[in-house]
Amino acid sequence: QVQLVESGGGLVQPGGSLRLSCAASGATLSLAAMGWYRQAPGKQRELVAQISKFGITDYTDSVKGRFTISRDNARNTMALQMSNLKPEDTAGYYCTAEDALTETAYWGQGTQETVSS
């Protein structure tokens, strides 16, 4: 089992920056891809960014150039640095991680981010 705990959400003004963190604990040795999803009220959950164990990243088009995903395999942590935030970035953000051996996807509880003036 893997436990994921997010932190760093909050209220920020448009154009501001915020950093989300995700800490993994438990059976983390076989974790492969990790990522961030978000879900806004009334909308489907969408993949925002993902990063492989070797650091290969991918982003949804709407956040390219504004968000940066990173991970520290030694510390079992992942981060999402968000800049030039827009009101449409307002959502609950969820950390995910996939176990390469069992192909199990784990989810954190989520952290709320609100972009508003």
Protein backbone atom coordinates (compact mmCIF):
# COMPACT_ATOMS: atom_id res chain seq x y z
CA GLN A 1 0.00 0.00 0.00
CA VAL A 2 1.04 3.54 -0.73
CA GLN A 3 -0.20 6.64 1.02
CA LEU A 4 -0.11 10.00 -0.73
CA VAL A 5 -0.51 13.28 1.11
CA GLU A 6 -0.83 16.59 -0.69
CA SER A 7 -0.09 20.03 0.74
CA GLY A 8 0.28 23.58 -0.46
CA GLY A 9 -3.14 24.52 -1.74
CA GLY A 10 -4.82 27.79 -0.90
CA LEU A 11 -6.10 31.09 -2.20
CA VAL A 12 -4.01 33.07 -4.67
CA GLN A 13 -4.67 36.06 -6.88
CA PRO A 14 -4.65 35.79 -10.67
CA GLY A 15 -1.12 35.95 -11.95
CA GLY A 16 0.25 34.60 -8.71
CA SER A 17 2.18 31.44 -7.95
CA LEU A 18 1.63 28.41 -5.80
CA ARG A 19 3.53 25.21 -5.12
CA LEU A 20 1.82 21.91 -4.40
CA SER A 21 3.66 19.04 -2.78
CA CYS A 22 2.92 15.35 -2.54
CA ALA A 23 4.61 13.00 -0.11
CA ALA A 24 4.46 9.25 -0.66
CA SER A 25 4.91 6.67 2.07
CA GLY A 26 4.55 2.93 2.39
CA ALA A 27 5.53 0.56 -0.42
CA THR A 28 7.18 3.18 -2.61
CA LEU A 29 10.04 1.20 -4.16
CA SER A 30 8.08 0.17 -7.23
CA LEU A 31 6.36 3.47 -7.88
CA ALA A 32 6.54 4.45 -11.52
CA ALA A 33 4.69 7.39 -13.00
CA MET A 34 3.36 10.09 -10.70
CA GLY A 35 1.08 12.91 -11.60
CA TRP A 36 -1.37 15.61 -10.70
CA TYR A 37 -5.03 15.63 -11.63
CA ARG A 38 -7.50 18.38 -10.96
CA GLN A 39 -11.25 18.61 -10.80
CA ALA A 40 -13.26 21.79 -10.88
CA PRO A 41 -16.90 21.92 -9.76
CA GLY A 42 -19.15 20.48 -12.42
CA LYS A 43 -16.26 19.29 -14.55
CA GLN A 44 -14.53 16.00 -15.13
CA ARG A 45 -11.25 15.23 -13.49
CA GLU A 46 -8.37 15.98 -15.84
CA LEU A 47 -4.71 15.08 -15.91
CA VAL A 48 -2.66 18.24 -15.41
CA ALA A 49 0.89 16.91 -15.47
CA GLN A 50 2.74 13.65 -15.06
CA ILE A 51 6.32 12.59 -14.56
CA SER A 52 8.00 9.23 -15.03
CA LYS A 53 10.43 7.71 -12.57
CA PHE A 54 13.20 8.91 -14.87
CA GLY A 55 11.96 12.48 -15.04
CA ILE A 56 10.12 12.52 -18.34
CA THR A 57 7.30 15.02 -18.09
CA ASP A 58 4.07 15.73 -19.87
CA TYR A 59 1.52 18.51 -19.45
CA THR A 60 -1.96 19.28 -20.57
CA ASP A 61 -1.93 22.11 -23.09
CA SER A 62 -3.62 24.66 -20.83
CA VAL A 63 -0.77 24.64 -18.31
CA LYS A 64 2.24 24.33 -20.58
CA GLY A 65 4.74 27.07 -19.86
CA ARG A 66 3.08 27.89 -16.54
CA PHE A 67 3.32 24.70 -14.48
CA THR A 68 6.38 22.59 -13.72
CA ILE A 69 6.23 19.10 -12.27
CA SER A 70 9.18 17.58 -10.46
CA ARG A 71 9.94 14.64 -8.22
CA ASP A 72 12.59 13.49 -5.80
CA ASN A 73 12.78 9.70 -5.89
CA ALA A 74 15.10 9.54 -2.88
CA ARG A 75 12.61 11.43 -0.72
CA ASN A 76 9.49 10.02 -2.39
CA THR A 77 8.10 13.45 -3.03
CA MET A 78 6.62 15.24 -5.99
CA ALA A 79 5.84 18.89 -6.55
CA LEU A 80 3.87 21.05 -8.91
CA GLN A 81 5.11 24.61 -9.26
CA MET A 82 2.35 26.76 -10.69
CA SER A 83 2.83 30.30 -11.94
CA ASN A 84 0.76 32.89 -13.79
CA LEU A 85 -2.31 31.29 -12.26
CA LYS A 86 -5.70 31.93 -13.80
CA PRO A 87 -9.20 31.66 -12.33
CA GLU A 88 -9.78 28.62 -14.53
CA ASP A 89 -7.01 26.83 -12.61
CA THR A 90 -9.29 26.78 -9.58
CA ALA A 91 -9.91 23.16 -8.67
CA GLY A 92 -9.17 20.38 -6.27
CA TYR A 93 -5.73 19.01 -7.09
CA TYR A 94 -4.97 15.34 -6.56
CA CYS A 95 -1.66 13.53 -6.44
CA THR A 96 -1.47 10.12 -8.07
CA ALA A 97 1.13 7.41 -8.28
CA GLU A 98 1.20 4.10 -10.10
CA ASP A 99 2.80 0.95 -8.78
CA ALA A 100 4.72 -0.61 -11.68
CA LEU A 101 4.50 -4.13 -10.28
CA THR A 102 0.83 -4.31 -9.36
CA GLU A 103 -0.39 -1.64 -11.81
CA THR A 104 -2.32 -0.13 -8.94
CA ALA A 105 -3.08 3.57 -9.03
CA TYR A 106 -3.01 5.42 -5.74
CA TRP A 107 -4.64 8.77 -5.00
CA GLY A 108 -4.19 11.41 -2.40
CA GLN A 109 -7.07 13.12 -0.63
CA GLY A 110 -6.62 16.28 -2.66
CA THR A 111 -5.88 19.90 -1.89
CA GLN A 112 -8.00 22.86 -2.94
CA GLU A 113 -6.58 25.70 -4.94
CA THR A 114 -8.58 28.85 -5.59
CA VAL A 115 -7.47 31.60 -7.94
CA SER A 116 -9.48 34.71 -7.29
CA SER A 117 -9.08 38.42 -6.76
